[in-house]
C-alpha atoms as a PDB file:
ATOM      1  CA  MET A   1      69.167 -62.249-116.692  1.00  0.00           C
ATOM      2  CA  SER A   2      70.731 -62.282-120.385  1.00  0.00           C
ATOM      3  CA  GLU A   3      73.360 -60.016-120.877  1.00  0.00           C
ATOM      4  CA  LEU A   4      72.755 -57.146-123.444  1.00  0.00           C
ATOM      5  CA  ASN A   5      75.546 -56.596-125.980  1.00  0.00           C
ATOM      6  CA  PRO A   6      75.694 -53.756-128.388  1.00  0.00           C
ATOM      7  CA  VAL A   7      74.855 -54.361-132.054  1.00  0.00           C
ATOM      8  CA  PRO A   8      76.828 -52.348-134.333  1.00  0.00           C
ATOM      9  CA  VAL A   9      74.499 -50.440-136.890  1.00  0.00           C
ATOM     10  CA  THR A  10      75.157 -48.522-139.921  1.00  0.00           C
ATOM     11  CA  ALA A  11      72.742 -45.759-140.962  1.00  0.00           C
ATOM     12  CA  TYR A  12      72.422 -44.959-144.598  1.00  0.00           C
ATOM     13  CA  ASP A  13      70.884 -41.584-145.924  1.00  0.00           C
ATOM     14  CA  ALA A  14      68.160 -42.889-149.064  1.00  0.00           C
ATOM     15  CA  PRO A  15      66.939 -40.300-151.527  1.00  0.00           C
ATOM     16  CA  ARG A  16      63.066 -39.311-151.239  1.00  0.00           C
ATOM     17  CA  ALA A  17      60.860 -41.822-153.635  1.00  0.00           C
ATOM     18  CA  LYS A  18      57.198 -42.099-153.482  1.00  0.00           C
ATOM     19  CA  VAL A  19      55.336 -39.473-151.913  1.00  0.00           C
ATOM     20  CA  GLY A  20      51.792 -40.072-153.168  1.00  0.00           C
ATOM     21  CA  ASP A  21      49.470 -42.466-155.471  1.00  0.00           C
ATOM     22  CA  ALA A  22      49.073 -39.640-157.865  1.00  0.00           C
ATOM     23  CA  ARG A  23      45.378 -39.800-157.633  1.00  0.00           C
ATOM     24  CA  SER A  24      45.153 -35.940-156.984  1.00  0.00           C
ATOM     25  CA  VAL A  25      47.623 -33.172-157.290  1.00  0.00           C
ATOM     26  CA  LYS A  26      47.340 -29.511-155.748  1.00  0.00           C
ATOM     27  CA  VAL A  27      47.471 -26.838-158.286  1.00  0.00           C
ATOM     28  CA  ASN A  28      47.131 -22.895-158.418  1.00  0.00           C
ATOM     29  CA  VAL A  29      43.802 -21.145-158.674  1.00  0.00           C
ATOM     30  CA  PRO A  30      44.249 -17.869-160.381  1.00  0.00           C
ATOM     31  CA  GLU A  31      42.590 -14.435-159.326  1.00  0.00           C
ATOM     32  CA  ASN A  32      38.785 -13.746-159.947  1.00  0.00           C
ATOM     33  CA  THR A  33      37.915 -17.397-159.980  1.00  0.00           C
ATOM     34  CA  THR A  34      35.255 -19.573-158.786  1.00  0.00           C
ATOM     35  CA  ILE A  35      35.918 -23.189-158.286  1.00  0.00           C
ATOM     36  CA  GLU A  36      32.810 -25.817-157.216  1.00  0.00           C
ATOM     37  CA  ALA A  37      33.718 -29.022-155.608  1.00  0.00           C
ATOM     38  CA  GLY A  38      32.821 -31.963-157.896  1.00  0.00           C
ATOM     39  CA  LYS A  39      33.540 -30.040-161.101  1.00  0.00           C
ATOM     40  CA  PHE A  40      36.257 -30.446-163.415  1.00  0.00           C
ATOM     41  CA  TYR A  41      38.889 -27.703-164.378  1.00  0.00           C
ATOM     42  CA  TYR A  42      41.829 -27.517-166.269  1.00  0.00           C
ATOM     43  CA  LEU A  43      44.853 -25.500-163.966  1.00  0.00           C
ATOM     44  CA  ASP A  44      48.680 -25.966-164.286  1.00  0.00           C
ATOM     45  CA  GLY A  45      48.525 -28.264-167.124  1.00  0.00           C
ATOM     46  CA  PHE A  46      46.122 -30.839-165.205  1.00  0.00           C
ATOM     47  CA  LEU A  47      42.730 -31.833-165.765  1.00  0.00           C
ATOM     48  CA  GLY A  48      40.626 -33.199-162.882  1.00  0.00           C
ATOM     49  CA  ALA A  49      37.736 -32.764-160.751  1.00  0.00           C
ATOM     50  CA  ALA A  50      37.734 -30.382-157.495  1.00  0.00           C
ATOM     51  CA  PHE A  51      37.688 -31.689-154.016  1.00  0.00           C
ATOM     52  CA  GLN A  52      36.824 -28.480-152.748  1.00  0.00           C
ATOM     53  CA  SER A  53      35.206 -25.087-153.422  1.00  0.00           C
ATOM     54  CA  VAL A  54      37.415 -22.116-153.703  1.00  0.00           C
ATOM     55  CA  THR A  55      36.700 -18.532-154.777  1.00  0.00           C
ATOM     56  CA  THR A  56      39.666 -15.981-155.337  1.00  0.00           C
ATOM     57  CA  GLY A  57      39.093 -12.287-155.996  1.00  0.00           C
ATOM     58  CA  ALA A  58      41.025  -9.351-157.741  1.00  0.00           C
ATOM     59  CA  GLY A  59      45.071 -10.246-156.890  1.00  0.00           C
ATOM     60  CA  GLU A  60      44.041 -13.144-154.884  1.00  0.00           C
ATOM     61  CA  THR A  61      45.130 -16.777-155.702  1.00  0.00           C
ATOM     62  CA  ALA A  62      44.621 -19.925-153.965  1.00  0.00           C
ATOM     63  CA  GLU A  63      45.367 -23.660-154.304  1.00  0.00           C
ATOM     64  CA  VAL A  64      42.790 -26.454-154.810  1.00  0.00           C
ATOM     65  CA  VAL A  65      43.523 -30.277-154.798  1.00  0.00           C
ATOM     66  CA  LEU A  66      42.219 -32.024-158.183  1.00  0.00           C
ATOM     67  CA  ASN A  67      41.167 -35.746-158.581  1.00  0.00           C
ATOM     68  CA  ILE A  68      43.332 -36.807-161.383  1.00  0.00           C
ATOM     69  CA  GLU A  69      43.028 -40.495-160.753  1.00  0.00           C
ATOM     70  CA  LEU A  70      42.440 -43.453-163.262  1.00  0.00           C
ATOM     71  CA  ALA A  71      38.813 -43.848-162.756  1.00  0.00           C
ATOM     72  CA  GLU A  72      35.311 -43.488-164.235  1.00  0.00           C
ATOM     73  CA  PHE A  73      33.786 -40.396-163.547  1.00  0.00           C
ATOM     74  CA  GLU A  74      30.256 -39.013-164.240  1.00  0.00           C
ATOM     75  CA  THR A  75      29.654 -35.308-165.405  1.00  0.00           C
ATOM     76  CA  ASP A  76      27.211 -32.793-167.084  1.00  0.00           C
ATOM     77  CA  GLN A  77      29.823 -30.704-168.029  1.00  0.00           C
ATOM     78  CA  ILE A  78      29.320 -31.222-171.447  1.00  0.00           C
ATOM     79  CA  ASN A  79      28.486 -29.645-174.996  1.00  0.00           C
ATOM     80  CA  THR A  80      24.970 -30.845-175.069  1.00  0.00           C
ATOM     81  CA  THR A  81      24.936 -30.675-178.871  1.00  0.00           C
ATOM     82  CA  ASP A  82      27.441 -33.517-179.140  1.00  0.00           C
ATOM     83  CA  ASP A  83      26.374 -37.161-179.103  1.00  0.00           C
ATOM     84  CA  PHE A  84      28.710 -38.725-176.770  1.00  0.00           C
ATOM     85  CA  THR A  85      27.990 -42.041-177.643  1.00  0.00           C
ATOM     86  CA  ILE A  86      30.138 -44.943-175.916  1.00  0.00           C
ATOM     87  CA  GLY A  87      33.903 -45.310-177.005  1.00  0.00           C
ATOM     88  CA  THR A  88      33.890 -41.673-178.252  1.00  0.00           C
ATOM     89  CA  PRO A  89      37.238 -39.720-177.426  1.00  0.00           C
ATOM     90  CA  ILE A  90      36.061 -36.429-175.573  1.00  0.00           C
ATOM     91  CA  TYR A  91      38.485 -33.164-175.131  1.00  0.00           C
ATOM     92  CA  TRP A  92      38.712 -30.553-172.682  1.00  0.00           C
ATOM     93  CA  ASP A  93      37.159 -27.179-174.062  1.00  0.00           C
ATOM     94  CA  ASN A  94      38.775 -24.789-171.669  1.00  0.00           C
ATOM     95  CA  ASP A  95      37.022 -21.640-173.085  1.00  0.00           C
ATOM     96  CA  ASN A  96      33.507 -23.194-171.875  1.00  0.00           C
ATOM     97  CA  LYS A  97      34.982 -25.354-169.347  1.00  0.00           C
ATOM     98  CA  ARG A  98      33.144 -28.260-170.480  1.00  0.00           C
ATOM     99  CA  PHE A  99      33.857 -31.807-172.569  1.00  0.00           C
ATOM    100  CA  THR A 100      33.601 -31.780-176.264  1.00  0.00           C
ATOM    101  CA  GLU A 101      33.932 -34.396-178.971  1.00  0.00           C
ATOM    102  CA  THR A 102      35.580 -31.627-180.925  1.00  0.00           C
ATOM    103  CA  ALA A 103      39.671 -32.098-180.733  1.00  0.00           C
ATOM    104  CA  THR A 104      41.420 -29.713-178.696  1.00  0.00           C
ATOM    105  CA  THR A 105      45.025 -29.748-177.509  1.00  0.00           C
ATOM    106  CA  VAL A 106      43.918 -31.315-173.846  1.00  0.00           C
ATOM    107  CA  PHE A 107      42.669 -35.147-174.418  1.00  0.00           C
ATOM    108  CA  ALA A 108      40.220 -35.846-171.644  1.00  0.00           C
ATOM    109  CA  GLY A 109      39.370 -39.628-171.930  1.00  0.00           C
ATOM    110  CA  ILE A 110      36.924 -42.023-173.495  1.00  0.00           C
ATOM    111  CA  VAL A 111      33.074 -42.121-172.957  1.00  0.00           C
ATOM    112  CA  THR A 112      31.675 -45.384-171.201  1.00  0.00           C
ATOM    113  CA  ALA A 113      28.103 -44.466-170.825  1.00  0.00           C
ATOM    114  CA  GLU A 114      26.162 -42.206-173.754  1.00  0.00           C
ATOM    115  CA  LYS A 115      24.785 -39.004-172.819  1.00  0.00           C
ATOM    116  CA  ASP A 116      21.157 -39.740-171.348  1.00  0.00           C
ATOM    117  CA  ASP A 117      18.140 -37.269-171.398  1.00  0.00           C
ATOM    118  CA  ASN A 118      19.788 -35.115-168.643  1.00  0.00           C
ATOM    119  CA  ASN A 119      22.616 -34.495-170.570  1.00  0.00           C
ATOM    120  CA  VAL A 120      24.975 -36.331-168.230  1.00  0.00           C
ATOM    121  CA  ILE A 121      27.930 -39.195-169.451  1.00  0.00           C
ATOM    122  CA  TRP A 122      30.327 -41.269-167.786  1.00  0.00           C
ATOM    123  CA  PHE A 123      33.735 -41.376-168.784  1.00  0.00           C
ATOM    124  CA  ILE A 124      37.187 -42.856-168.174  1.00  0.00           C
ATOM    125  CA  LEU A 125      39.564 -39.996-167.123  1.00  0.00           C
ATOM    126  CA  ARG A 126      42.874 -39.937-169.020  1.00  0.00           C
ATOM    127  CA  PRO A 127      45.328 -41.657-166.450  1.00  0.00           C
ATOM    128  CA  TRP A 128      48.037 -38.770-167.269  1.00  0.00           C
ATOM    129  CA  VAL A 129      47.700 -35.171-168.140  1.00  0.00           C
ATOM    130  CA  VAL A 130      49.701 -33.612-170.769  1.00  0.00           C
ATOM    131  CA  SER A 131      50.393 -29.841-170.494  1.00  0.00           C
ATOM    132  CA  ALA A 132      48.957 -27.687-173.324  1.00  0.00           C
ATOM    133  CA  GLU A 133      52.562 -27.147-174.776  1.00  0.00           C
ATOM    134  CA  VAL A 134      53.090 -30.799-175.160  1.00  0.00           C
ATOM    135  CA  ALA A 135      49.550 -31.585-176.425  1.00  0.00           C
ATOM    136  CA  ALA A 136      50.039 -28.777-178.871  1.00  0.00           C
ATOM    137  CA  VAL A 137      53.172 -30.906-180.439  1.00  0.00           C
ATOM    138  CA  ALA A 138      51.105 -33.992-180.446  1.00  0.00           C
ATOM    139  CA  VAL A 139      48.238 -31.982-182.358  1.00  0.00           C
ATOM    140  CA  ALA A 140      50.779 -30.598-184.866  1.00  0.00           C
ATOM    141  CA  ALA A 141      52.225 -34.616-185.424  1.00  0.00           C
ATOM    142  CA  GLN A 142      48.471 -35.199-186.204  1.00  0.00           C
ATOM    143  CA  ALA A 143      48.018 -32.635-188.425  1.00  0.00           C
ATOM    144  CA  ALA A 144      51.220 -33.625-190.236  1.00  0.00           C
ATOM    145  CA  ALA A 145      50.115 -37.310-190.337  1.00  0.00           C
ATOM    146  CA  GLU A 146      47.099 -36.132-192.194  1.00  0.00           C
ATOM    147  CA  ALA A 147      48.559 -33.982-194.419  1.00  0.00           C
ATOM    148  CA  ALA A 148      51.058 -36.745-195.578  1.00  0.00           C
ATOM    149  CA  GLN A 149      47.825 -38.821-196.096  1.00  0.00           C
ATOM    150  CA  GLY A 150      46.406 -36.442-198.124  1.00  0.00           C
ATOM    151  CA  GLN A 151      49.708 -36.399-200.261  1.00  0.00           C
ATOM    152  CA  VAL A 152      49.223 -40.195-200.480  1.00  0.00           C
ATOM    153  CA  GLU A 153      45.644 -39.710-201.815  1.00  0.00           C
ATOM    154  CA  ASP A 154      46.448 -36.901-204.213  1.00  0.00           C
ATOM    155  CA  TYR A 155      49.358 -39.502-205.344  1.00  0.00           C
ATOM    156  CA  LEU A 156      46.857 -42.053-206.105  1.00  0.00           C
ATOM    157  CA  VAL A 157      44.666 -39.747-208.416  1.00  0.00           C
ATOM    158  CA  GLY A 158      45.713 -40.739-211.799  1.00  0.00           C
ATOM    159  CA  THR A 159      47.641 -44.073-210.748  1.00  0.00           C
ATOM    160  CA  HIS A 160      45.941 -47.473-211.755  1.00  0.00           C
ATOM    161  CA  GLY A 161      42.824 -48.208-210.526  1.00  0.00           C
ATOM    162  CA  GLU A 162      40.485 -51.152-211.964  1.00  0.00           C
ATOM    163  CA  PRO A 163      38.718 -49.901-215.152  1.00  0.00           C
ATOM    164  CA  VAL A 164      34.688 -50.407-215.278  1.00  0.00           C
ATOM    165  CA  PHE A 165      33.620 -52.643-218.438  1.00  0.00           C
ATOM    166  CA  GLU A 166      29.853 -52.066-219.794  1.00  0.00           C
ATOM    167  CA  VAL A 167      29.096 -54.735-222.377  1.00  0.00           C
ATOM    168  CA  SER A 168      25.769 -53.377-224.206  1.00  0.00           C
ATOM    169  CA  GLY A 169      23.425 -55.465-225.790  1.00  0.00           C
ATOM    170  CA  GLU A 170      22.471 -59.373-225.255  1.00  0.00           C
ATOM    171  CA  ALA A 171      24.376 -62.710-226.192  1.00  0.00           C
ATOM    172  CA  ALA A 172      21.767 -63.329-229.030  1.00  0.00           C
ATOM    173  CA  ASP A 173      23.180 -59.927-230.805  1.00  0.00           C
ATOM    174  CA  THR A 174      25.578 -60.252-233.536  1.00  0.00           C
ATOM    175  CA  ALA A 175      27.382 -57.372-232.547  1.00  0.00           C
ATOM    176  CA  ARG A 176      27.921 -55.643-229.014  1.00  0.00           C
ATOM    177  CA  ILE A 177      29.961 -52.518-227.881  1.00  0.00           C
ATOM    178  CA  VAL A 178      32.265 -52.411-224.680  1.00  0.00           C
ATOM    179  CA  THR A 179      32.567 -49.041-222.965  1.00  0.00           C
ATOM    180  CA  VAL A 180      35.598 -48.900-220.815  1.00  0.00           C
ATOM    181  CA  THR A 181      35.922 -46.195-218.155  1.00  0.00           C
ATOM    182  CA  LEU A 182      39.278 -45.614-216.433  1.00  0.00           C
ATOM    183  CA  LYS A 183      39.513 -45.474-212.511  1.00  0.00           C
ATOM    184  CA  ASP A 184      42.208 -44.151-210.175  1.00  0.00           C
ATOM    185  CA  ALA A 185      43.441 -46.150-207.332  1.00  0.00           C
ATOM    186  CA  ALA A 186      41.114 -44.580-205.159  1.00  0.00           C
ATOM    187  CA  GLY A 187      38.101 -45.580-207.313  1.00  0.00           C
ATOM    188  CA  ASN A 188      37.382 -42.196-208.793  1.00  0.00           C
ATOM    189  CA  ASP A 189      36.915 -41.455-212.476  1.00  0.00           C
ATOM    190  CA  VAL A 190      40.182 -40.315-214.253  1.00  0.00           C
ATOM    191  CA  GLU A 191      39.720 -37.026-215.534  1.00  0.00           C
ATOM    192  CA  GLN A 192      42.710 -36.869-218.321  1.00  0.00           C
ATOM    193  CA  ILE A 193      43.169 -38.207-221.752  1.00  0.00           C
ATOM    194  CA  CYS A 194      45.031 -41.423-221.206  1.00  0.00           C
ATOM    195  CA  ALA A 195      46.798 -44.176-223.670  1.00  0.00           C
ATOM    196  CA  VAL A 196      46.017 -47.825-223.073  1.00  0.00           C
ATOM    197  CA  ARG A 197      46.754 -51.107-224.729  1.00  0.00           C
ATOM    198  CA  VAL A 198      43.466 -53.471-225.576  1.00  0.00           C
ATOM    199  CA  TRP A 199      43.203 -56.764-227.151  1.00  0.00           C
ATOM    200  CA  LEU A 200      40.486 -59.647-227.622  1.00  0.00           C
ATOM    201  CA  SER A 201      41.295 -62.795-226.419  1.00  0.00           C
ATOM    202  CA  ASP A 202      39.616 -66.411-225.962  1.00  0.00           C
ATOM    203  CA  VAL A 203      40.524 -66.873-222.346  1.00  0.00           C
ATOM    204  CA  VAL A 204      40.182 -64.054-219.838  1.00  0.00           C
ATOM    205  CA  GLY A 205      43.583 -62.165-219.262  1.00  0.00           C
ATOM    206  CA  GLU A 206      45.660 -64.098-221.845  1.00  0.00           C
ATOM    207  CA  GLY A 207      47.013 -63.202-224.987  1.00  0.00           C
ATOM    208  CA  GLU A 208      45.734 -62.202-228.458  1.00  0.00           C
ATOM    209  CA  THR A 209      42.372 -64.368-229.830  1.00  0.00           C
ATOM    210  CA  ALA A 210      43.123 -66.982-232.816  1.00  0.00           C
ATOM    211  CA  ALA A 211      40.374 -65.463-234.653  1.00  0.00           C
ATOM    212  CA  ALA A 212      38.903 -61.847-234.566  1.00  0.00           C
ATOM    213  CA  PRO A 213      35.325 -61.121-235.159  1.00  0.00           C
ATOM    214  CA  ALA A 214      34.342 -61.828-238.622  1.00  0.00           C
ATOM    215  CA  ASN A 215      32.741 -58.723-239.004  1.00  0.00           C
ATOM    216  CA  GLY A 216      35.496 -56.478-237.026  1.00  0.00           C
ATOM    217  CA  PHE A 217      36.496 -55.001-234.223  1.00  0.00           C
ATOM    218  CA  ALA A 218      36.748 -51.216-234.370  1.00  0.00           C
ATOM    219  CA  ALA A 219      35.307 -48.004-233.358  1.00  0.00           C
ATOM    220  CA  PRO A 220      31.365 -48.126-233.163  1.00  0.00           C
ATOM    221  CA  ASP A 221      29.706 -46.453-236.268  1.00  0.00           C
ATOM    222  CA  SER A 222      28.209 -43.955-233.876  1.00  0.00           C
ATOM    223  CA  GLU A 223      28.512 -42.386-230.633  1.00  0.00           C
ATOM    224  CA  ALA A 224      32.196 -43.713-230.744  1.00  0.00           C
ATOM    225  CA  LEU A 225      34.499 -42.995-227.381  1.00  0.00           C
ATOM    226  CA  GLY A 226      38.291 -42.123-227.682  1.00  0.00           C
ATOM    227  CA  GLU A 227      40.422 -43.314-230.931  1.00  0.00           C
ATOM    228  CA  ILE A 228      42.488 -46.020-232.245  1.00  0.00           C
ATOM    229  CA  LEU A 229      45.827 -44.475-231.938  1.00  0.00           C
ATOM    230  CA  GLU A 230      47.991 -47.651-233.279  1.00  0.00           C
ATOM    231  CA  THR A 231      46.707 -50.967-234.604  1.00  0.00           C
ATOM    232  CA  ILE A 232      49.345 -53.680-233.275  1.00  0.00           C
ATOM    233  CA  THR A 233      47.238 -56.565-235.029  1.00  0.00           C
ATOM    234  CA  ALA A 234      44.315 -55.793-237.334  1.00  0.00           C
ATOM    235  CA  ASN A 235      40.870 -56.457-235.423  1.00  0.00           C
ATOM    236  CA  LYS A 236      42.600 -57.723-232.653  1.00  0.00           C
ATOM    237  CA  GLN A 237      44.962 -55.478-230.842  1.00  0.00           C
ATOM    238  CA  PHE A 238      45.399 -51.517-230.641  1.00  0.00           C
ATOM    239  CA  ILE A 239      46.768 -48.675-228.460  1.00  0.00           C
ATOM    240  CA  MET A 240      43.791 -46.682-227.584  1.00  0.00           C
ATOM    241  CA  LEU A 241      43.613 -43.016-226.845  1.00  0.00           C
ATOM    242  CA  THR A 242      40.745 -42.384-224.540  1.00  0.00           C
ATOM    243  CA  GLU A 243      38.669 -38.908-224.191  1.00  0.00           C
ATOM    244  CA  ILE A 244      36.786 -37.410-221.620  1.00  0.00           C
ATOM    245  CA  ASP A 245      32.888 -37.905-221.659  1.00  0.00           C
ATOM    246  CA  GLU A 246      31.075 -36.661-218.596  1.00  0.00           C
ATOM    247  CA  GLY A 247      34.243 -35.925-216.834  1.00  0.00           C
ATOM    248  CA  ALA A 248      35.633 -39.202-217.219  1.00  0.00           C
ATOM    249  CA  SER A 249      38.364 -40.961-219.456  1.00  0.00           C
ATOM    250  CA  LYS A 250      36.564 -43.454-221.668  1.00  0.00           C
ATOM    251  CA  PHE A 251      36.917 -45.403-224.723  1.00  0.00           C
ATOM    252  CA  ASN A 252      34.292 -47.817-226.560  1.00  0.00           C
ATOM    253  CA  LEU A 253      34.936 -50.611-229.220  1.00  0.00           C
ATOM    254  CA  GLU A 254      32.590 -52.857-231.419  1.00  0.00           C
ATOM    255  CA  LEU A 255      32.772 -56.539-231.871  1.00  0.00           C
ATOM    256  CA  ASP A 256      30.593 -57.419-234.743  1.00  0.00           C
ATOM    257  CA  GLU A 257      30.345 -61.329-235.666  1.00  0.00           C
ATOM    258  CA  GLN A 258      28.005 -62.551-238.290  1.00  0.00           C
ATOM    259  CA  THR A 259      29.052 -66.213-239.291  1.00  0.00           C
ATOM    260  CA  ALA A 260      29.299 -67.943-235.782  1.00  0.00           C
ATOM    261  CA  ASN A 261      28.453 -68.170-232.132  1.00  0.00           C
ATOM    262  CA  LYS A 262      31.514 -66.930-230.568  1.00  0.00           C
ATOM    263  CA  THR A 263      32.750 -65.471-227.179  1.00  0.00           C
ATOM    264  CA  TRP A 264      35.708 -63.336-226.438  1.00  0.00           C
ATOM    265  CA  TYR A 265      37.193 -61.133-223.600  1.00  0.00           C
ATOM    266  CA  LEU A 266      38.173 -57.405-223.699  1.00  0.00           C
ATOM    267  CA  ASN A 267      41.349 -56.973-222.134  1.00  0.00           C
ATOM    268  CA  VAL A 268      43.022 -53.519-220.951  1.00  0.00           C
ATOM    269  CA  GLU A 269      46.576 -52.806-220.132  1.00  0.00           C
ATOM    270  CA  TRP A 270      46.174 -49.785-217.611  1.00  0.00           C
ATOM    271  CA  GLN A 271      49.733 -48.783-216.350  1.00  0.00           C
ATOM    272  CA  GLY A 272      51.021 -52.186-216.525  1.00  0.00           C
ATOM    273  CA  TYR A 273      48.111 -53.780-215.078  1.00  0.00           C
ATOM    274  CA  VAL A 274      45.964 -56.374-216.948  1.00  0.00           C
ATOM    275  CA  TYR A 275      41.977 -56.091-216.406  1.00  0.00           C
ATOM    276  CA  SER A 276      39.624 -58.028-218.668  1.00  0.00           C
ATOM    277  CA  SER A 277      35.909 -57.729-219.329  1.00  0.00           C
ATOM    278  CA  GLU A 278      33.193 -60.172-218.688  1.00  0.00           C
ATOM    279  CA  ALA A 279      32.855 -62.902-221.477  1.00  0.00           C
ATOM    280  CA  ILE A 280      31.458 -61.088-224.298  1.00  0.00           C
ATOM    281  CA  GLU A 281      29.217 -63.571-226.248  1.00  0.00           C
ATOM    282  CA  LEU A 282      27.806 -62.992-229.890  1.00  0.00           C
ATOM    283  CA  LYS A 283      25.517 -65.331-232.025  1.00  0.00           C
ATOM    284  CA  ALA A 284      25.651 -65.808-235.536  1.00  0.00           C
ATOM    285  CA  ALA A 285      23.082 -64.104-237.805  1.00  0.00           C
ATOM    286  CA  GLU A 286      20.166 -66.302-238.711  1.00  0.00           C
END
């Protein structure tokens, strides 16, 4: 028979740690409230499906367990006027006790199966819950971000954007008019009078042409837009002052060449950036 010898044992007190898998939570049910098992509720800052039915009367409270696990759920508690297409973020409308596409302070999850003919959707419940107070901070942050974006967009209005060039007539013409409409960085028409530098070149985007149009480079005889504010090089380069035409900042210039077949480009310096028209071809008079 073997001999039993005592073995010293040291006991340590360990703090409590995990008490559950965070798939459910017990919450309070206020008075005069009816909870139906299987339906979703937002209680004590948690959104989940009730495991049991509970009804409280005046002056009565109770507890109910909500399923809050990360899982795919099915529900018909929706705003039936919304589309609920796959991938749509959805929120909890606590006033109407239903899910909605309209943003609220309670983000609920993402649609995984779109609304069917019975107004049923599948969705993945958000794997954590944020109280209305914390969510309100997030909503405020989102609003601030949108406001900042609006300020950026406001800043872009009036800053440089690519002008639009319209060349009238055909290459067989001896004279052609180029109309330039200024655009802001958002692609909208600029709605204020501006000063821009313009010049003709033989190569797109390069310096002044070697030879100006023989019969002139100036404002059209009729329906002119804008005016030449300063002549830098006669018949080659100007400072133009635009005018507002149909709500847009525009100017136009006419190239008139009677003696030879020629090609030029009209270049515009708009807030330090240079933009060029398509090739402007002219044919000698016959």
